[in-house]
């Protein structure tokens, strides 16, 4: 969970319209991205925060269903100050998705006030812990726990060794060396804030839950616990944006996949397991 310092100091979305050379609206982008095109003579400014590409791109951008500007107000209470962008599907999981599920995909980024964001993150952290408890085997939990213990002892030995009584010096040194030898930890790993084994755990959760299942679970969780009242009309918990590419050709296409949340038995069981059935039934 972030702090107030990381709240955006500018509006989240500049809503510059980007047009195909044939005048078809392709997508919205930031002023920074629009300037990037303009400075490289890849586009021309056509007025009122609109640019037109001067080259023929490999696709037509976003589907019409989601082709609308984003509002710079909180999706929970419509407030317009101290805003931040929230990834509905946490980045720690998305980073393990293949490109077609994460590249140029801002569908599941929601604008929230810092207050509402931080409030929701409390519930989000609990859900992450449930996923960890359910899908990470005991040996991985043991290694993670041992790593944090070894890191704590490493810091104590490095920065406070001279202040410790002789008995404590011996205890910490032996305990630390024992953990390093048993689990094969490396000293350079302890400069990290988080355990390097956590990354493997997130990847393991993605693999075992399933990419589309995980996306839907997080979107349902967001609906249930954040209680957003001002989401775009097109935003659905079972709608997934996928980018397809033709191999060897500079062409990509954005598609929207609607998943039947009650047809797939595995997904349905997960929805029931995590107490999301009621909210899912409201969005069939």
Foldseek 3Di string as FASTA:
>chain_A
DDDLVPQDPDQPFPFQWEAEPVGHTAAGDHPVVVVVCVVVVQWDDPDDSYIYGPDGAQERHDDPLPHDGDDRAALAPRHRPRKDKDQLQDPLQVVLDPCQQPPPDPLRIGIHHPVLVVQLVVVVVVVVVVLLVVQPDPVLVVLQVLVVVLLVLLCCCVPPLVVDDPVVNVVSVVSNVVSCVVNVDDPVQSVDPGHPSVSVSSSRSCVVCDVLLSQLLSLLSCCVRSVGDRDPPSDASQWGWTWDDDPPDRHIDIDIDGDDQPPDPSSVVVCVVVVRVVSVVVGD
